[in-house]
Amino acid sequence: TPDVLTEAMGGVPDYAKLTSMSAKVADANALVDGGSFGYLTTPLMAGK
């Protein structure tokens, strides 16, 4: 799907990348009416 917000981790996530993900979603007004926020990742990244 075009225009889906993504954040490349480059192997190891850090605080700046994780906060950037949340900021992109909020900036796009994706959390309206108190919607929930979640992440889609691989099992290996979830472990990291």
ModelCIF file with pLDDT and N, C-alpha, C, O atoms, coordinates in Angstrom:
data_MODEL
#
_entry.id   MODEL 
#
_entity.id                         1 
_entity.type                       polymer 
_entity.pdbx_number_of_molecules   1 
#
_entity_poly.entity_id                      1 
_entity_poly.type                           'polypeptide(L)' 
_entity_poly.nstd_linkage                   no 
_entity_poly.nstd_monomer                   no 
_entity_poly.pdbx_seq_one_letter_code       TPDVLTEAMGGVPDYAKLTSMSAKVADANALVDGGSFGYLTTPLMAGK 
_entity_poly.pdbx_seq_one_letter_code_can   TPDVLTEAMGGVPDYAKLTSMSAKVADANALVDGGSFGYLTTPLMAGK 
_entity_poly.pdbx_strand_id                 A 
#
loop_
_entity_poly_seq.entity_id 
_entity_poly_seq.num 
_entity_poly_seq.mon_id 
_entity_poly_seq.hetero 
1 1  THR n 
1 2  PRO n 
1 3  ASP n 
1 4  VAL n 
1 5  LEU n 
1 6  THR n 
1 7  GLU n 
1 8  ALA n 
1 9  MET n 
1 10 GLY n 
1 11 GLY n 
1 12 VAL n 
1 13 PRO n 
1 14 ASP n 
1 15 TYR n 
1 16 ALA n 
1 17 LYS n 
1 18 LEU n 
1 19 THR n 
1 20 SER n 
1 21 MET n 
1 22 SER n 
1 23 ALA n 
1 24 LYS n 
1 25 VAL n 
1 26 ALA n 
1 27 ASP n 
1 28 ALA n 
1 29 ASN n 
1 30 ALA n 
1 31 LEU n 
1 32 VAL n 
1 33 ASP n 
1 34 GLY n 
1 35 GLY n 
1 36 SER n 
1 37 PHE n 
1 38 GLY n 
1 39 TYR n 
1 40 LEU n 
1 41 THR n 
1 42 THR n 
1 43 PRO n 
1 44 LEU n 
1 45 MET n 
1 46 ALA n 
1 47 GLY n 
1 48 LYS n 
#
_struct_asym.id          A 
_struct_asym.entity_id   1 
#
loop_
_ma_qa_metric.id 
_ma_qa_metric.mode 
_ma_qa_metric.name 
_ma_qa_metric.software_group_id 
_ma_qa_metric.type 
1 global pLDDT . pLDDT 
2 local  pLDDT . pLDDT 
#
_ma_qa_metric_global.metric_id      1 
_ma_qa_metric_global.metric_value   79.90 
_ma_qa_metric_global.model_id       1 
_ma_qa_metric_global.ordinal_id     1 
#
loop_
_ma_qa_metric_local.label_asym_id 
_ma_qa_metric_local.label_comp_id 
_ma_qa_metric_local.label_seq_id 
_ma_qa_metric_local.metric_id 
_ma_qa_metric_local.metric_value 
_ma_qa_metric_local.model_id 
_ma_qa_metric_local.ordinal_id 
A THR 1  2 88.00 1 1  
A PRO 2  2 87.00 1 2  
A ASP 3  2 81.00 1 3  
A VAL 4  2 81.00 1 4  
A LEU 5  2 77.00 1 5  
A THR 6  2 78.00 1 6  
A GLU 7  2 77.00 1 7  
A ALA 8  2 78.00 1 8  
A MET 9  2 79.00 1 9  
A GLY 10 2 78.00 1 10 
A GLY 11 2 74.00 1 11 
A VAL 12 2 79.00 1 12 
A PRO 13 2 84.00 1 13 
A ASP 14 2 87.00 1 14 
A TYR 15 2 89.00 1 15 
A ALA 16 2 88.00 1 16 
A LYS 17 2 86.00 1 17 
A LEU 18 2 85.00 1 18 
A THR 19 2 87.00 1 19 
A SER 20 2 85.00 1 20 
A MET 21 2 83.00 1 21 
A SER 22 2 81.00 1 22 
A ALA 23 2 85.00 1 23 
A LYS 24 2 83.00 1 24 
A VAL 25 2 80.00 1 25 
A ALA 26 2 80.00 1 26 
A ASP 27 2 84.00 1 27 
A ALA 28 2 80.00 1 28 
A ASN 29 2 76.00 1 29 
A ALA 30 2 70.00 1 30 
A LEU 31 2 66.00 1 31 
A VAL 32 2 64.00 1 32 
A ASP 33 2 65.00 1 33 
A GLY 34 2 66.00 1 34 
A GLY 35 2 68.00 1 35 
A SER 36 2 73.00 1 36 
A PHE 37 2 73.00 1 37 
A GLY 38 2 74.00 1 38 
A TYR 39 2 77.00 1 39 
A LEU 40 2 81.00 1 40 
A THR 41 2 82.00 1 41 
A THR 42 2 82.00 1 42 
A PRO 43 2 88.00 1 43 
A LEU 44 2 87.00 1 44 
A MET 45 2 84.00 1 45 
A ALA 46 2 85.00 1 46 
A GLY 47 2 87.00 1 47 
A LYS 48 2 83.00 1 48 
#
loop_
_atom_site.group_PDB 
_atom_site.id 
_atom_site.type_symbol 
_atom_site.label_atom_id 
_atom_site.label_alt_id 
_atom_site.label_comp_id 
_atom_site.label_asym_id 
_atom_site.label_entity_id 
_atom_site.label_seq_id 
_atom_site.pdbx_PDB_ins_code 
_atom_site.Cartn_x 
_atom_site.Cartn_y 
_atom_site.Cartn_z 
_atom_site.occupancy 
_atom_site.B_iso_or_equiv 
_atom_site.pdbx_formal_charge 
_atom_site.auth_seq_id 
_atom_site.auth_comp_id 
_atom_site.auth_asym_id 
_atom_site.auth_atom_id 
_atom_site.pdbx_PDB_model_num 
ATOM 1   N N  . THR A 1 1  ? 0.830   -1.198  0.000  1.00 88.00 ? 1  THR A N  1 
ATOM 2   C CA . THR A 1 1  ? 0.000   0.000   0.000  1.00 88.00 ? 1  THR A CA 1 
ATOM 3   C C  . THR A 1 1  ? 0.870   1.256   0.000  1.00 88.00 ? 1  THR A C  1 
ATOM 4   O O  . THR A 1 1  ? 1.748   1.408   0.850  1.00 88.00 ? 1  THR A O  1 
ATOM 5   N N  . PRO A 1 2  ? 0.623   2.158   -0.960 1.00 87.00 ? 2  PRO A N  1 
ATOM 6   C CA . PRO A 1 2  ? 1.421   3.381   -0.983 1.00 87.00 ? 2  PRO A CA 1 
ATOM 7   C C  . PRO A 1 2  ? 1.120   4.269   0.232  1.00 87.00 ? 2  PRO A C  1 
ATOM 8   O O  . PRO A 1 2  ? 0.026   4.221   0.793  1.00 87.00 ? 2  PRO A O  1 
ATOM 9   N N  . ASP A 1 3  ? 2.086   5.059   0.617  1.00 81.00 ? 3  ASP A N  1 
ATOM 10  C CA . ASP A 1 3  ? 1.961   6.040   1.694  1.00 81.00 ? 3  ASP A CA 1 
ATOM 11  C C  . ASP A 1 3  ? 1.774   5.444   3.084  1.00 81.00 ? 3  ASP A C  1 
ATOM 12  O O  . ASP A 1 3  ? 1.272   6.124   3.978  1.00 81.00 ? 3  ASP A O  1 
ATOM 13  N N  . VAL A 1 4  ? 2.164   4.200   3.282  1.00 81.00 ? 4  VAL A N  1 
ATOM 14  C CA . VAL A 1 4  ? 2.142   3.622   4.625  1.00 81.00 ? 4  VAL A CA 1 
ATOM 15  C C  . VAL A 1 4  ? 3.388   4.112   5.352  1.00 81.00 ? 4  VAL A C  1 
ATOM 16  O O  . VAL A 1 4  ? 4.494   4.035   4.815  1.00 81.00 ? 4  VAL A O  1 
ATOM 17  N N  . LEU A 1 5  ? 3.216   4.610   6.559  1.00 77.00 ? 5  LEU A N  1 
ATOM 18  C CA . LEU A 1 5  ? 4.343   5.133   7.334  1.00 77.00 ? 5  LEU A CA 1 
ATOM 19  C C  . LEU A 1 5  ? 5.240   3.997   7.812  1.00 77.00 ? 5  LEU A C  1 
ATOM 20  O O  . LEU A 1 5  ? 4.761   3.006   8.366  1.00 77.00 ? 5  LEU A O  1 
ATOM 21  N N  . THR A 1 6  ? 6.537   4.148   7.595  1.00 78.00 ? 6  THR A N  1 
ATOM 22  C CA . THR A 1 6  ? 7.499   3.146   8.038  1.00 78.00 ? 6  THR A CA 1 
ATOM 23  C C  . THR A 1 6  ? 8.679   3.822   8.718  1.00 78.00 ? 6  THR A C  1 
ATOM 24  O O  . THR A 1 6  ? 8.910   5.021   8.556  1.00 78.00 ? 6  THR A O  1 
ATOM 25  N N  . GLU A 1 7  ? 9.407   3.043   9.467  1.00 77.00 ? 7  GLU A N  1 
ATOM 26  C CA . GLU A 1 7  ? 10.640  3.523   10.095 1.00 77.00 ? 7  GLU A CA 1 
ATOM 27  C C  . GLU A 1 7  ? 11.660  2.389   10.003 1.00 77.00 ? 7  GLU A C  1 
ATOM 28  O O  . GLU A 1 7  ? 11.473  1.336   10.612 1.00 77.00 ? 7  GLU A O  1 
ATOM 29  N N  . ALA A 1 8  ? 12.730  2.598   9.249  1.00 78.00 ? 8  ALA A N  1 
ATOM 30  C CA . ALA A 1 8  ? 13.775  1.582   9.110  1.00 78.00 ? 8  ALA A CA 1 
ATOM 31  C C  . ALA A 1 8  ? 14.597  1.520   10.389 1.00 78.00 ? 8  ALA A C  1 
ATOM 32  O O  . ALA A 1 8  ? 15.071  2.543   10.883 1.00 78.00 ? 8  ALA A O  1 
ATOM 33  N N  . MET A 1 9  ? 14.763  0.327   10.916 1.00 79.00 ? 9  MET A N  1 
ATOM 34  C CA . MET A 1 9  ? 15.510  0.168   12.167 1.00 79.00 ? 9  MET A CA 1 
ATOM 35  C C  . MET A 1 9  ? 16.993  -0.048  11.921 1.00 79.00 ? 9  MET A C  1 
ATOM 36  O O  . MET A 1 9  ? 17.806  0.277   12.785 1.00 79.00 ? 9  MET A O  1 
ATOM 37  N N  . GLY A 1 10 ? 17.366  -0.584  10.774 1.00 78.00 ? 10 GLY A N  1 
ATOM 38  C CA . GLY A 1 10 ? 18.773  -0.826  10.512 1.00 78.00 ? 10 GLY A CA 1 
ATOM 39  C C  . GLY A 1 10 ? 19.376  -1.878  11.421 1.00 78.00 ? 10 GLY A C  1 
ATOM 40  O O  . GLY A 1 10 ? 20.570  -1.831  11.719 1.00 78.00 ? 10 GLY A O  1 
ATOM 41  N N  . GLY A 1 11 ? 18.574  -2.817  11.858 1.00 74.00 ? 11 GLY A N  1 
ATOM 42  C CA . GLY A 1 11 ? 19.071  -3.908  12.692 1.00 74.00 ? 11 GLY A CA 1 
ATOM 43  C C  . GLY A 1 11 ? 18.848  -3.730  14.176 1.00 74.00 ? 11 GLY A C  1 
ATOM 44  O O  . GLY A 1 11 ? 18.323  -4.635  14.824 1.00 74.00 ? 11 GLY A O  1 
ATOM 45  N N  . VAL A 1 12 ? 19.224  -2.604  14.734 1.00 79.00 ? 12 VAL A N  1 
ATOM 46  C CA . VAL A 1 12 ? 19.109  -2.409  16.176 1.00 79.00 ? 12 VAL A CA 1 
ATOM 47  C C  . VAL A 1 12 ? 18.266  -1.166  16.452 1.00 79.00 ? 12 VAL A C  1 
ATOM 48  O O  . VAL A 1 12 ? 18.658  -0.058  16.087 1.00 79.00 ? 12 VAL A O  1 
ATOM 49  N N  . PRO A 1 13 ? 17.110  -1.346  17.097 1.00 84.00 ? 13 PRO A N  1 
ATOM 50  C CA . PRO A 1 13 ? 16.282  -0.186  17.423 1.00 84.00 ? 13 PRO A CA 1 
ATOM 51  C C  . PRO A 1 13 ? 16.929  0.636   18.539 1.00 84.00 ? 13 PRO A C  1 
ATOM 52  O O  . PRO A 1 13 ? 17.596  0.097   19.422 1.00 84.00 ? 13 PRO A O  1 
ATOM 53  N N  . ASP A 1 14 ? 16.719  1.925   18.480 1.00 87.00 ? 14 ASP A N  1 
ATOM 54  C CA . ASP A 1 14 ? 17.175  2.778   19.577 1.00 87.00 ? 14 ASP A CA 1 
ATOM 55  C C  . ASP A 1 14 ? 16.031  3.721   19.953 1.00 87.00 ? 14 ASP A C  1 
ATOM 56  O O  . ASP A 1 14 ? 15.004  3.769   19.275 1.00 87.00 ? 14 ASP A O  1 
ATOM 57  N N  . TYR A 1 15 ? 16.218  4.449   21.010 1.00 89.00 ? 15 TYR A N  1 
ATOM 58  C CA . TYR A 1 15 ? 15.157  5.311   21.532 1.00 89.00 ? 15 TYR A CA 1 
ATOM 59  C C  . TYR A 1 15 ? 14.703  6.336   20.499 1.00 89.00 ? 15 TYR A C  1 
ATOM 60  O O  . TYR A 1 15 ? 13.507  6.602   20.375 1.00 89.00 ? 15 TYR A O  1 
ATOM 61  N N  . ALA A 1 16 ? 15.640  6.911   19.761 1.00 88.00 ? 16 ALA A N  1 
ATOM 62  C CA . ALA A 1 16 ? 15.293  7.927   18.769 1.00 88.00 ? 16 ALA A CA 1 
ATOM 63  C C  . ALA A 1 16 ? 14.411  7.348   17.666 1.00 88.00 ? 16 ALA A C  1 
ATOM 64  O O  . ALA A 1 16 ? 13.452  7.993   17.240 1.00 88.00 ? 16 ALA A O  1 
ATOM 65  N N  . LYS A 1 17 ? 14.722  6.145   17.203 1.00 86.00 ? 17 LYS A N  1 
ATOM 66  C CA . LYS A 1 17 ? 13.914  5.514   16.146 1.00 86.00 ? 17 LYS A CA 1 
ATOM 67  C C  . LYS A 1 17 ? 12.516  5.166   16.659 1.00 86.00 ? 17 LYS A C  1 
ATOM 68  O O  . LYS A 1 17 ? 11.526  5.353   15.952 1.00 86.00 ? 17 LYS A O  1 
ATOM 69  N N  . LEU A 1 18 ? 12.444  4.664   17.879 1.00 85.00 ? 18 LEU A N  1 
ATOM 70  C CA . LEU A 1 18 ? 11.146  4.296   18.438 1.00 85.00 ? 18 LEU A CA 1 
ATOM 71  C C  . LEU A 1 18 ? 10.255  5.516   18.654 1.00 85.00 ? 18 LEU A C  1 
ATOM 72  O O  . LEU A 1 18 ? 9.055   5.461   18.384 1.00 85.00 ? 18 LEU A O  1 
ATOM 73  N N  . THR A 1 19 ? 10.822  6.598   19.130 1.00 87.00 ? 19 THR A N  1 
ATOM 74  C CA . THR A 1 19 ? 10.011  7.804   19.307 1.00 87.00 ? 19 THR A CA 1 
ATOM 75  C C  . THR A 1 19 ? 9.658   8.427   17.963 1.00 87.00 ? 19 THR A C  1 
ATOM 76  O O  . THR A 1 19 ? 8.601   9.045   17.829 1.00 87.00 ? 19 THR A O  1 
ATOM 77  N N  . SER A 1 20 ? 10.524  8.275   16.968 1.00 85.00 ? 20 SER A N  1 
ATOM 78  C CA . SER A 1 20 ? 10.220  8.773   15.631 1.00 85.00 ? 20 SER A CA 1 
ATOM 79  C C  . SER A 1 20 ? 8.999   8.064   15.045 1.00 85.00 ? 20 SER A C  1 
ATOM 80  O O  . SER A 1 20 ? 8.182   8.690   14.369 1.00 85.00 ? 20 SER A O  1 
ATOM 81  N N  . MET A 1 21 ? 8.873   6.768   15.300 1.00 83.00 ? 21 MET A N  1 
ATOM 82  C CA . MET A 1 21 ? 7.706   6.024   14.806 1.00 83.00 ? 21 MET A CA 1 
ATOM 83  C C  . MET A 1 21 ? 6.428   6.612   15.376 1.00 83.00 ? 21 MET A C  1 
ATOM 84  O O  . MET A 1 21 ? 5.480   6.872   14.634 1.00 83.00 ? 21 MET A O  1 
ATOM 85  N N  . SER A 1 22 ? 6.391   6.823   16.666 1.00 81.00 ? 22 SER A N  1 
ATOM 86  C CA . SER A 1 22 ? 5.191   7.371   17.303 1.00 81.00 ? 22 SER A CA 1 
ATOM 87  C C  . SER A 1 22 ? 4.901   8.780   16.803 1.00 81.00 ? 22 SER A C  1 
ATOM 88  O O  . SER A 1 22 ? 3.741   9.144   16.607 1.00 81.00 ? 22 SER A O  1 
ATOM 89  N N  . ALA A 1 23 ? 5.941   9.566   16.598 1.00 85.00 ? 23 ALA A N  1 
ATOM 90  C CA . ALA A 1 23 ? 5.766   10.940  16.135 1.00 85.00 ? 23 ALA A CA 1 
ATOM 91  C C  . ALA A 1 23 ? 5.187   10.982  14.723 1.00 85.00 ? 23 ALA A C  1 
ATOM 92  O O  . ALA A 1 23 ? 4.336   11.821  14.428 1.00 85.00 ? 23 ALA A O  1 
ATOM 93  N N  . LYS A 1 24 ? 5.644   10.081  13.845 1.00 83.00 ? 24 LYS A N  1 
ATOM 94  C CA . LYS A 1 24 ? 5.120   10.034  12.477 1.00 83.00 ? 24 LYS A CA 1 
ATOM 95  C C  . LYS A 1 24 ? 3.618   9.734   12.470 1.00 83.00 ? 24 LYS A C  1 
ATOM 96  O O  . LYS A 1 24 ? 2.857   10.348  11.722 1.00 83.00 ? 24 LYS A O  1 
ATOM 97  N N  . VAL A 1 25 ? 3.211   8.798   13.299 1.00 80.00 ? 25 VAL A N  1 
ATOM 98  C CA . VAL A 1 25 ? 1.788   8.435   13.368 1.00 80.00 ? 25 VAL A CA 1 
ATOM 99  C C  . VAL A 1 25 ? 0.968   9.607   13.886 1.00 80.00 ? 25 VAL A C  1 
ATOM 100 O O  . VAL A 1 25 ? -0.080  9.929   13.325 1.00 80.00 ? 25 VAL A O  1 
ATOM 101 N N  . ALA A 1 26 ? 1.435   10.242  14.944 1.00 80.00 ? 26 ALA A N  1 
ATOM 102 C CA . ALA A 1 26 ? 0.712   11.383  15.512 1.00 80.00 ? 26 ALA A CA 1 
ATOM 103 C C  . ALA A 1 26 ? 0.667   12.553  14.529 1.00 80.00 ? 26 ALA A C  1 
ATOM 104 O O  . ALA A 1 26 ? -0.348  13.241  14.422 1.00 80.00 ? 26 ALA A O  1 
ATOM 105 N N  . ASP A 1 27 ? 1.767   12.773  13.816 1.00 84.00 ? 27 ASP A N  1 
ATOM 106 C CA . ASP A 1 27 ? 1.828   13.866  12.852 1.00 84.00 ? 27 ASP A CA 1 
ATOM 107 C C  . ASP A 1 27 ? 0.855   13.663  11.692 1.00 84.00 ? 27 ASP A C  1 
ATOM 108 O O  . ASP A 1 27 ? 0.356   14.631  11.118 1.00 84.00 ? 27 ASP A O  1 
ATOM 109 N N  . ALA A 1 28 ? 0.592   12.419  11.356 1.00 80.00 ? 28 ALA A N  1 
ATOM 110 C CA . ALA A 1 28 ? -0.346  12.107  10.277 1.00 80.00 ? 28 ALA A CA 1 
ATOM 111 C C  . ALA A 1 28 ? -1.791  12.038  10.770 1.00 80.00 ? 28 ALA A C  1 
ATOM 112 O O  . ALA A 1 28 ? -2.685  11.653  10.017 1.00 80.00 ? 28 ALA A O  1 
ATOM 113 N N  . ASN A 1 29 ? -2.020  12.408  12.020 1.00 76.00 ? 29 ASN A N  1 
ATOM 114 C CA . ASN A 1 29 ? -3.355  12.379  12.629 1.00 76.00 ? 29 ASN A CA 1 
ATOM 115 C C  . ASN A 1 29 ? -3.985  10.993  12.573 1.00 76.00 ? 29 ASN A C  1 
ATOM 116 O O  . ASN A 1 29 ? -5.198  10.862  12.407 1.00 76.00 ? 29 ASN A O  1 
ATOM 117 N N  . ALA A 1 30 ? -3.158  9.958   12.713 1.00 70.00 ? 30 ALA A N  1 
ATOM 118 C CA . ALA A 1 30 ? -3.661  8.584   12.627 1.00 70.00 ? 30 ALA A CA 1 
ATOM 119 C C  . ALA A 1 30 ? -4.348  8.140   13.913 1.00 70.00 ? 30 ALA A C  1 
ATOM 120 O O  . ALA A 1 30 ? -5.136  7.195   13.894 1.00 70.00 ? 30 ALA A O  1 
ATOM 121 N N  . LEU A 1 31 ? -4.068  8.795   15.012 1.00 66.00 ? 31 LEU A N  1 
ATOM 122 C CA . LEU A 1 31 ? -4.714  8.424   16.276 1.00 66.00 ? 31 LEU A CA 1 
ATOM 123 C C  . LEU A 1 31 ? -5.826  9.417   16.584 1.00 66.00 ? 31 LEU A C  1 
ATOM 124 O O  . LEU A 1 31 ? -5.638  10.373  17.337 1.00 66.00 ? 31 LEU A O  1 
ATOM 125 N N  . VAL A 1 32 ? -6.963  9.174   15.997 1.00 64.00 ? 32 VAL A N  1 
ATOM 126 C CA . VAL A 1 32 ? -8.102  10.051  16.236 1.00 64.00 ? 32 VAL A CA 1 
ATOM 127 C C  . VAL A 1 32 ? -9.123  9.323   17.098 1.00 64.00 ? 32 VAL A C  1 
ATOM 128 O O  . VAL A 1 32 ? -9.196  8.095   17.088 1.00 64.00 ? 32 VAL A O  1 
ATOM 129 N N  . ASP A 1 33 ? -9.885  10.067  17.820 1.00 65.00 ? 33 ASP A N  1 
ATOM 130 C CA . ASP A 1 33 ? -10.952 9.531   18.666 1.00 65.00 ? 33 ASP A CA 1 
ATOM 131 C C  . ASP A 1 33 ? -10.450 8.488   19.660 1.00 65.00 ? 33 ASP A C  1 
ATOM 132 O O  . ASP A 1 33 ? -11.143 7.509   19.936 1.00 65.00 ? 33 ASP A O  1 
ATOM 133 N N  . GLY A 1 34 ? -9.249  8.692   20.197 1.00 66.00 ? 34 GLY A N  1 
ATOM 134 C CA . GLY A 1 34 ? -8.735  7.795   21.228 1.00 66.00 ? 34 GLY A CA 1 
ATOM 135 C C  . GLY A 1 34 ? -8.405  6.403   20.738 1.00 66.00 ? 34 GLY A C  1 
ATOM 136 O O  . GLY A 1 34 ? -8.453  5.450   21.516 1.00 66.00 ? 34 GLY A O  1 
ATOM 137 N N  . GLY A 1 35 ? -8.068  6.260   19.456 1.00 68.00 ? 35 GLY A N  1 
ATOM 138 C CA . GLY A 1 35 ? -7.734  4.952   18.910 1.00 68.00 ? 35 GLY A CA 1 
ATOM 139 C C  . GLY A 1 35 ? -6.525  4.341   19.591 1.00 68.00 ? 35 GLY A C  1 
ATOM 140 O O  . GLY A 1 35 ? -5.761  5.034   20.264 1.00 68.00 ? 35 GLY A O  1 
ATOM 141 N N  . SER A 1 36 ? -6.361  3.063   19.415 1.00 73.00 ? 36 SER A N  1 
ATOM 142 C CA . SER A 1 36 ? -5.233  2.377   20.038 1.00 73.00 ? 36 SER A CA 1 
ATOM 143 C C  . SER A 1 36 ? -4.014  2.403   19.113 1.00 73.00 ? 36 SER A C  1 
ATOM 144 O O  . SER A 1 36 ? -4.135  2.623   17.908 1.00 73.00 ? 36 SER A O  1 
ATOM 145 N N  . PHE A 1 37 ? -2.865  2.178   19.689 1.00 73.00 ? 37 PHE A N  1 
ATOM 146 C CA . PHE A 1 37 ? -1.603  2.244   18.977 1.00 73.00 ? 37 PHE A CA 1 
ATOM 147 C C  . PHE A 1 37 ? -0.915  0.898   19.095 1.00 73.00 ? 37 PHE A C  1 
ATOM 148 O O  . PHE A 1 37 ? -0.827  0.342   20.190 1.00 73.00 ? 37 PHE A O  1 
ATOM 149 N N  . GLY A 1 38 ? -0.431  0.369   17.995 1.00 74.00 ? 38 GLY A N  1 
ATOM 150 C CA . GLY A 1 38 ? 0.249   -0.919  18.030 1.00 74.00 ? 38 GLY A CA 1 
ATOM 151 C C  . GLY A 1 38 ? 1.398   -0.938  17.048 1.00 74.00 ? 38 GLY A C  1 
ATOM 152 O O  . GLY A 1 38 ? 1.562   -0.011  16.255 1.00 74.00 ? 38 GLY A O  1 
ATOM 153 N N  . TYR A 1 39 ? 2.187   -1.985  17.097 1.00 77.00 ? 39 TYR A N  1 
ATOM 154 C CA . TYR A 1 39 ? 3.345   -2.144  16.230 1.00 77.00 ? 39 TYR A CA 1 
ATOM 155 C C  . TYR A 1 39 ? 3.229   -3.451  15.467 1.00 77.00 ? 39 TYR A C  1 
ATOM 156 O O  . TYR A 1 39 ? 2.689   -4.431  15.981 1.00 77.00 ? 39 TYR A O  1 
ATOM 157 N N  . LEU A 1 40 ? 3.730   -3.466  14.257 1.00 81.00 ? 40 LEU A N  1 
ATOM 158 C CA . LEU A 1 40 ? 3.802   -4.673  13.458 1.00 81.00 ? 40 LEU A CA 1 
ATOM 159 C C  . LEU A 1 40 ? 5.280   -4.938  13.221 1.00 81.00 ? 40 LEU A C  1 
ATOM 160 O O  . LEU A 1 40 ? 5.986   -4.101  12.657 1.00 81.00 ? 40 LEU A O  1 
ATOM 161 N N  . THR A 1 41 ? 5.745   -6.103  13.652 1.00 82.00 ? 41 THR A N  1 
ATOM 162 C CA . THR A 1 41 ? 7.163   -6.408  13.533 1.00 82.00 ? 41 THR A CA 1 
ATOM 163 C C  . THR A 1 41 ? 7.360   -7.908  13.389 1.00 82.00 ? 41 THR A C  1 
ATOM 164 O O  . THR A 1 41 ? 6.409   -8.685  13.463 1.00 82.00 ? 41 THR A O  1 
ATOM 165 N N  . THR A 1 42 ? 8.585   -8.292  13.185 1.00 82.00 ? 42 THR A N  1 
ATOM 166 C CA . THR A 1 42 ? 8.923   -9.712  13.095 1.00 82.00 ? 42 THR A CA 1 
ATOM 167 C C  . THR A 1 42 ? 9.187   -10.257 14.491 1.00 82.00 ? 42 THR A C  1 
ATOM 168 O O  . THR A 1 42 ? 9.439   -9.485  15.416 1.00 82.00 ? 42 THR A O  1 
ATOM 169 N N  . PRO A 1 43 ? 9.135   -11.566 14.657 1.00 88.00 ? 43 PRO A N  1 
ATOM 170 C CA . PRO A 1 43 ? 9.447   -12.146 15.966 1.00 88.00 ? 43 PRO A CA 1 
ATOM 171 C C  . PRO A 1 43 ? 10.867  -11.799 16.444 1.00 88.00 ? 43 PRO A C  1 
ATOM 172 O O  . PRO A 1 43 ? 11.079  -11.575 17.636 1.00 88.00 ? 43 PRO A O  1 
ATOM 173 N N  . LEU A 1 44 ? 11.829  -11.754 15.527 1.00 87.00 ? 44 LEU A N  1 
ATOM 174 C CA . LEU A 1 44 ? 13.191  -11.422 15.927 1.00 87.00 ? 44 LEU A CA 1 
ATOM 175 C C  . LEU A 1 44 ? 13.305  -9.982  16.430 1.00 87.00 ? 44 LEU A C  1 
ATOM 176 O O  . LEU A 1 44 ? 13.996  -9.716  17.413 1.00 87.00 ? 44 LEU A O  1 
ATOM 177 N N  . MET A 1 45 ? 12.618  -9.046  15.744 1.00 84.00 ? 45 MET A N  1 
ATOM 178 C CA . MET A 1 45 ? 12.657  -7.657  16.201 1.00 84.00 ? 45 MET A CA 1 
ATOM 179 C C  . MET A 1 45 ? 11.904  -7.515  17.520 1.00 84.00 ? 45 MET A C  1 
ATOM 180 O O  . MET A 1 45 ? 12.318  -6.750  18.390 1.00 84.00 ? 45 MET A O  1 
ATOM 181 N N  . ALA A 1 46 ? 10.816  -8.238  17.671 1.00 85.00 ? 46 ALA A N  1 
ATOM 182 C CA . ALA A 1 46 ? 10.092  -8.202  18.947 1.00 85.00 ? 46 ALA A CA 1 
ATOM 183 C C  . ALA A 1 46 ? 10.997  -8.671  20.079 1.00 85.00 ? 46 ALA A C  1 
ATOM 184 O O  . ALA A 1 46 ? 10.956  -8.117  21.177 1.00 85.00 ? 46 ALA A O  1 
ATOM 185 N N  . GLY A 1 47 ? 11.810  -9.684  19.819 1.00 87.00 ? 47 GLY A N  1 
ATOM 186 C CA . GLY A 1 47 ? 12.754  -10.150 20.823 1.00 87.00 ? 47 GLY A CA 1 
ATOM 187 C C  . GLY A 1 47 ? 13.783  -9.082  21.175 1.00 87.00 ? 47 GLY A C  1 
ATOM 188 O O  . GLY A 1 47 ? 14.132  -8.914  22.344 1.00 87.00 ? 47 GLY A O  1 
ATOM 189 N N  . LYS A 1 48 ? 14.268  -8.363  20.168 1.00 83.00 ? 48 LYS A N  1 
ATOM 190 C CA . LYS A 1 48 ? 15.225  -7.287  20.417 1.00 83.00 ? 48 LYS A CA 1 
ATOM 191 C C  . LYS A 1 48 ? 14.594  -6.176  21.246 1.00 83.00 ? 48 LYS A C  1 
ATOM 192 O O  . LYS A 1 48 ? 15.255  -5.184  21.554 1.00 83.00 ? 48 LYS A O  1 
#
